[in-house]
Protein backbone atom coordinates (compact mmCIF):
# COMPACT_ATOMS: atom_id res chain seq x y z
CA MET A 1 0.04 -0.02 -0.08
CA LEU A 2 1.45 3.35 -1.03
CA LEU A 3 2.94 5.36 1.84
CA GLN A 4 1.95 2.59 4.16
CA ARG A 5 2.47 3.27 7.99
CA LEU A 6 3.83 6.74 6.91
CA TYR A 7 2.03 8.67 9.68
CA ARG A 8 2.34 6.79 12.93
CA VAL A 9 4.54 9.20 14.90
CA THR A 10 2.76 10.02 18.22
CA ASN A 11 5.47 11.64 20.29
CA TYR A 12 4.42 15.31 20.76
CA ARG A 13 6.11 17.25 23.44
CA ILE A 14 3.55 20.06 24.43
CA LEU A 15 2.73 19.39 27.97
CA GLN A 16 5.56 21.41 29.48
CA ARG A 17 4.22 24.74 29.16
CA ILE A 18 1.40 24.07 31.64
CA LEU A 19 3.63 23.25 34.64
CA TYR A 20 3.78 26.66 36.04
CA LYS A 21 4.62 26.98 39.76
CA ASN A 22 1.25 28.31 40.65
CA ILE A 23 -0.13 24.90 39.73
CA TYR A 24 2.17 23.35 42.06
CA SER A 25 1.60 25.96 44.83
CA ALA A 26 -2.21 25.39 44.55
CA TYR A 27 -2.00 21.58 44.35
CA LYS A 28 1.34 20.82 45.97
CA LYS A 29 0.22 17.58 47.47
CA GLU A 30 -0.65 16.31 43.99
CA SER A 31 1.39 15.35 40.96
CA GLY A 32 1.65 17.62 37.93
CA MET A 33 -0.80 15.41 36.00
CA GLN A 34 -3.28 15.34 39.00
CA ALA A 35 -3.13 18.92 39.26
CA VAL A 36 -4.02 19.33 35.54
CA GLY A 37 -6.81 16.98 35.84
CA LYS A 38 -8.28 18.69 38.88
CA LEU A 39 -8.02 22.10 37.39
CA TRP A 40 -9.84 20.76 34.27
CA VAL A 41 -12.59 19.33 36.49
CA THR A 42 -13.08 22.33 38.65
CA SER A 43 -12.83 25.23 36.26
CA PRO A 44 -16.07 27.07 35.58
CA PHE A 45 -14.73 29.06 32.65
CA ILE A 46 -14.75 26.46 29.97
CA THR A 47 -17.29 27.48 27.33
CA MET A 48 -17.21 27.05 23.63
CA GLY A 49 -15.41 29.87 22.00
CA MET A 50 -14.74 31.60 25.31
CA TRP A 51 -11.47 31.12 27.11
CA GLY A 52 -11.37 32.39 30.64
CA PHE A 53 -8.39 32.13 32.95
CA ILE A 54 -7.45 30.78 36.42
CA LYS A 55 -5.31 32.57 38.93
CA SER A 56 -3.74 30.91 41.95
CA LYS A 57 -3.90 32.68 45.43
CA ASP A 58 -0.15 33.16 45.41
CA GLU A 59 0.30 34.61 41.92
CA ALA A 60 -2.77 36.49 41.03
CA GLU A 61 -1.07 38.27 38.14
CA THR A 62 0.00 35.11 36.40
CA PRO A 63 -2.93 33.71 34.41
CA ILE A 64 -3.44 30.10 33.13
CA THR A 65 -6.04 30.10 30.49
CA THR A 66 -8.50 27.22 30.34
CA LYS A 67 -7.52 26.58 26.92
CA GLU A 68 -3.96 25.88 28.11
CA VAL A 69 -5.29 23.35 30.58
CA LEU A 70 -7.56 21.82 27.92
CA LEU A 71 -4.67 21.36 25.46
CA ALA A 72 -2.46 20.01 28.24
CA LYS A 73 -5.03 17.55 29.27
CA VAL A 74 -5.48 16.47 25.64
CA ASP A 75 -1.79 16.17 24.97
CA ALA A 76 -1.44 14.09 28.21
CA LEU A 77 -4.25 11.80 27.21
CA PHE A 78 -2.67 11.47 23.71
CA ASP A 79 0.62 10.26 25.26
CA GLN A 80 -1.32 7.72 27.18
CA GLY A 81 -3.09 6.49 23.92
CA ASP A 82 -6.48 7.47 25.16
CA TYR A 83 -7.87 8.83 21.83
CA LYS A 84 -11.46 8.04 22.49
CA SER A 85 -11.42 10.38 25.56
CA ILE A 86 -9.77 13.07 23.55
CA TYR A 87 -12.50 12.70 20.89
CA ASN A 88 -15.28 12.98 23.50
CA LEU A 89 -13.63 15.97 25.00
CA LEU A 90 -12.84 18.02 21.94
CA SER A 91 -16.00 17.18 20.01
CA ASN A 92 -17.60 19.56 22.41
CA TYR A 93 -15.36 22.34 20.79
CA LYS A 94 -15.26 21.34 17.21
CA ASP A 95 -17.39 24.46 16.24
CA SER A 96 -15.15 26.83 18.29
CA LYS A 97 -13.09 27.67 15.07
CA ASP A 98 -10.10 27.14 17.29
CA VAL A 99 -7.18 25.54 15.13
CA ASP A 100 -5.36 24.20 18.04
CA ILE A 101 -8.52 22.26 18.90
CA LEU A 102 -9.32 21.29 15.58
CA TRP A 103 -5.96 19.57 14.68
CA ARG A 104 -5.74 17.73 17.88
CA LEU A 105 -9.16 16.44 17.31
CA CYS A 106 -8.09 15.23 13.88
CA ARG A 107 -5.00 13.62 15.38
CA ALA A 108 -7.19 11.64 17.67
CA ILE A 109 -9.64 10.75 15.05
CA TYR A 110 -6.74 9.39 12.81
CA LYS A 111 -5.34 7.27 15.66
CA MET A 112 -8.93 5.91 16.33
CA SER A 113 -9.32 5.09 12.71
CA GLU A 114 -6.12 2.90 12.90
CA MET A 115 -7.77 0.66 15.38
CA ALA A 116 -11.38 0.76 14.03
CA SER A 117 -13.22 -1.80 12.16
CA ASP A 118 -13.44 -1.88 8.45
CA VAL A 119 -16.74 -0.22 8.51
CA GLU A 120 -15.80 2.46 11.12
CA ALA A 121 -12.51 3.39 9.95
CA PRO A 122 -13.49 5.12 6.68
CA LYS A 123 -16.18 7.21 8.46
CA LEU A 124 -13.64 8.44 11.01
CA ILE A 125 -11.17 9.33 8.04
CA TYR A 126 -13.68 11.34 6.25
CA GLU A 127 -14.80 13.02 9.49
CA GLY A 128 -11.11 14.01 10.17
CA TYR A 129 -10.59 15.16 6.55
CA ASP A 130 -13.61 17.43 6.88
CA LEU A 131 -12.50 18.99 10.03
CA ILE A 132 -8.86 19.57 8.81
CA CYS A 133 -10.27 21.31 5.73
CA ILE A 134 -12.11 23.79 8.07
CA ALA A 135 -8.97 24.15 10.07
CA LEU A 136 -7.05 25.02 6.90
CA ASP A 137 -9.74 27.56 5.80
CA ILE A 138 -9.33 29.27 9.29
CA GLN A 139 -5.65 29.46 9.36
CA GLU A 140 -3.39 28.64 6.41
CA ASP A 141 -0.01 29.23 8.26
CA HIS A 142 -0.20 26.50 10.91
CA TYR A 143 2.30 23.76 10.33
CA ALA A 144 0.28 21.06 12.13
CA VAL A 145 -2.72 21.79 9.84
CA HIS A 146 -0.63 21.04 6.76
CA LYS A 147 0.85 18.09 8.26
CA TRP A 148 -2.51 16.46 9.20
CA MET A 149 -4.07 17.47 5.76
CA SER A 150 -1.32 15.44 4.06
CA ILE A 151 -2.07 12.64 6.53
CA PHE A 152 -5.75 12.56 5.75
CA LEU A 153 -5.23 13.09 2.01
CA ASN A 154 -3.14 9.92 2.04
CA SER A 155 -5.57 7.94 4.03
CA LYS A 156 -8.66 9.23 1.92
CA GLY A 157 -6.84 8.38 -1.23
CA THR A 158 -6.04 4.93 -0.03
CA LEU A 159 -9.65 4.36 0.68
CA GLU A 160 -10.72 5.51 -2.83
CA GLY A 161 -8.23 3.33 -4.88
CA THR A 162 -5.03 3.60 -6.48
CA LYS A 163 -5.93 6.15 -9.23
CA ALA A 164 -7.43 8.39 -6.59
CA HIS A 165 -4.48 8.06 -4.40
CA ILE A 166 -2.05 8.85 -7.01
CA LYS A 167 -4.16 11.79 -8.05
CA GLU A 168 -3.29 13.21 -4.37
CA LEU A 169 0.37 12.65 -4.53
CA TYR A 170 1.23 16.20 -5.57
CA ASN A 171 -1.08 17.57 -2.90
CA ILE A 172 0.24 15.41 -0.10
CA LYS A 173 3.80 16.54 -0.90
CA LYS A 174 2.63 20.24 -1.19
CA HIS A 175 1.15 20.19 2.20
CA LEU A 176 4.11 18.41 3.75
CA LEU A 177 6.48 21.05 2.29
CA ARG A 178 4.36 23.85 3.66
CA ALA A 179 4.39 22.25 6.85
CA SER A 180 8.23 21.87 6.88
CA GLU A 181 8.51 25.63 5.71
CA LEU A 182 6.36 26.85 8.65
CA LYS A 183 8.37 24.70 11.15
CA PRO A 184 11.74 23.43 9.68
CA THR A 185 12.77 21.72 12.92
CA ASP A 186 9.76 19.30 13.02
CA ALA A 187 11.54 15.94 12.52
CA THR A 188 8.20 14.10 11.90
CA THR A 189 7.45 16.17 8.70
CA LEU A 190 10.95 15.56 7.40
CA TYR A 191 10.50 11.88 7.93
CA MET A 192 7.31 11.99 6.03
CA LEU A 193 8.73 13.77 3.24
CA GLY A 194 11.41 11.11 3.09
CA CYS A 195 8.92 8.53 3.08
CA TRP A 196 7.09 10.16 0.26
CA CYS A 197 10.20 10.28 -1.75
CA TYR A 198 11.05 6.77 -1.11
CA GLU A 199 7.61 5.49 -2.02
CA ILE A 200 7.40 7.52 -5.16
CA SER A 201 11.02 6.10 -6.11
CA SER A 202 9.74 2.66 -5.61
CA LEU A 203 6.35 2.89 -7.55
CA ALA A 204 5.40 -0.33 -9.33
CA TRP A 205 5.28 -0.16 -13.18
CA TYR A 206 1.40 -0.22 -13.15
CA GLN A 207 1.31 2.70 -10.69
CA ARG A 208 3.69 4.56 -12.94
CA LYS A 209 1.51 3.92 -15.90
CA ILE A 210 -1.57 5.17 -13.95
CA ALA A 211 0.44 8.30 -12.87
CA SER A 212 1.39 9.10 -16.49
CA VAL A 213 -2.40 8.90 -17.48
CA VAL A 214 -3.35 11.12 -14.56
CA PHE A 215 -0.61 13.63 -14.95
CA GLU A 216 1.12 15.47 -17.78
CA GLU A 217 4.19 15.18 -15.62
CA PRO A 218 3.81 12.46 -13.04
CA PRO A 219 5.27 12.76 -9.53
CA ASN A 220 8.97 11.93 -9.49
CA SER A 221 11.63 11.78 -6.86
CA SER A 222 14.83 9.72 -6.06
CA PHE A 223 16.33 7.78 -3.33
CA GLU A 224 18.98 10.52 -2.83
CA GLU A 225 16.17 12.93 -2.01
CA ALA A 226 14.60 10.52 0.38
CA LEU A 227 17.82 10.06 2.05
CA MET A 228 18.31 13.93 2.43
CA TYR A 229 15.06 14.28 4.27
CA HIS A 230 15.68 11.23 6.54
CA GLU A 231 19.17 12.49 7.46
CA ASN A 232 17.77 15.81 8.26
CA ALA A 233 15.19 14.43 10.38
CA GLU A 234 17.81 12.64 12.18
CA LYS A 235 19.92 15.71 12.59
CA VAL A 236 16.98 17.65 13.96
CA ASP A 237 16.00 15.04 16.61
CA PRO A 238 18.51 12.09 16.83
CA ASN A 239 16.87 8.67 17.58
CA PHE A 240 13.43 10.29 17.66
CA TYR A 241 11.60 7.48 15.86
CA SER A 242 12.39 3.76 15.14
CA ARG A 243 10.93 3.96 11.67
CA ASN A 244 13.25 6.88 10.61
CA LEU A 245 16.16 4.73 11.50
CA LEU A 246 14.52 1.91 9.51
CA MET A 247 14.06 4.02 6.61
CA LEU A 248 17.69 5.31 6.54
CA GLY A 249 18.79 1.66 6.40
CA LYS A 250 16.39 0.89 3.57
CA THR A 251 17.30 3.97 1.62
CA TYR A 252 21.03 3.32 1.94
CA LEU A 253 20.41 -0.24 0.76
CA LYS A 254 18.73 1.25 -2.42
CA LEU A 255 21.75 3.33 -2.94
CA ASN A 256 24.14 0.51 -2.55
CA ARG A 257 25.65 1.85 0.57
CA LYS A 258 25.61 -1.31 2.52
CA GLU A 259 27.94 -0.23 5.48
CA ASP A 260 25.72 2.72 6.17
CA ALA A 261 22.58 0.63 5.72
CA VAL A 262 23.76 -2.02 8.20
CA LYS A 263 24.55 0.72 10.81
CA TYR A 264 21.18 2.09 10.94
CA LEU A 265 19.35 -1.07 10.55
CA LYS A 266 21.18 -2.22 13.60
CA LYS A 267 20.02 0.89 15.43
CA ALA A 268 16.45 0.22 14.47
CA ALA A 269 16.78 -3.39 15.47
CA GLU A 270 18.12 -2.44 18.89
CA PHE A 271 15.59 0.32 19.28
CA SER A 272 13.85 0.25 22.79
CA ALA A 273 10.28 -0.38 21.73
CA ARG A 274 7.76 1.83 23.37
CA ASN A 275 4.75 0.61 21.15
CA ASP A 276 3.66 -1.71 18.59
CA ASP A 277 4.90 0.49 15.91
CA ASP A 278 8.57 0.38 17.38
CA GLN A 279 8.18 -3.36 17.64
CA LYS A 280 7.31 -3.74 13.98
CA ALA A 281 10.17 -1.55 12.88
CA LYS A 282 12.60 -3.69 15.02
CA GLN A 283 11.31 -6.87 13.40
CA GLU A 284 11.48 -5.42 9.84
CA ALA A 285 15.11 -4.23 10.48
CA GLN A 286 15.99 -7.77 11.94
CA LYS A 287 14.56 -9.36 8.83
CA ILE A 288 16.42 -7.23 6.40
CA LEU A 289 19.77 -7.67 8.36
CA SER A 290 19.23 -11.47 8.32
CA ASN A 291 18.81 -11.27 4.56
CA ILE A 292 21.81 -9.00 3.80
């Protein structure tokens, strides 16, 4: 499947900003996460489209908006893999026209679709696609909106068949490039660009034939371009993702750079697995190494 497993990166590091010392002073007997949870439950200011603020007794001049609390709670739930709770929580705010809410809701919907039945998954993909389109109309210059637009275009194209998928190839890369332009240090976007280039360079003959019918100039790339993006992702955030290590190994093999390939395949095979995605990357790396 074209671009299979391209978008399974889940490690977002956003929670830190909520841990102001007034949270700890207000809830010093609780952990940071418990404090965030309690603030969420007790806050009276959470209304659609209206973000109030919370002030501690000790620091009345340092506000923490309920939006910050909401986003921190959502990001914590995401790290825990509780996508359904995020969906239930953020669905209440999908009409708020807040882009930070919408792309996080889309992120949860996508992760839910990965675990959904064959009947439910397409419904979730189209729901997420519609929401990310709304987010893009609201704010064109948000990197996460373009990143998730590329993800849903890829998934929607997969559902609609090879020809439909190929028709979206230019749009997928366009949104990835825009996301990278808006946030050059986002390693996952660079990883996805590398995967796009690798898959385009690996298209089967019948896919290339379809592409030549669909486009006057079919999408093209090279393994050298794929390598550039994967290497840049690794420079930005070393060892951030098992699959980037795996893709480095696979791309070096395509370029007949066996020594470099083995180096990164070993790193992928030895990667400390945190989830099923990491485990699959480890297994694939081990399989390739055994066949070299």
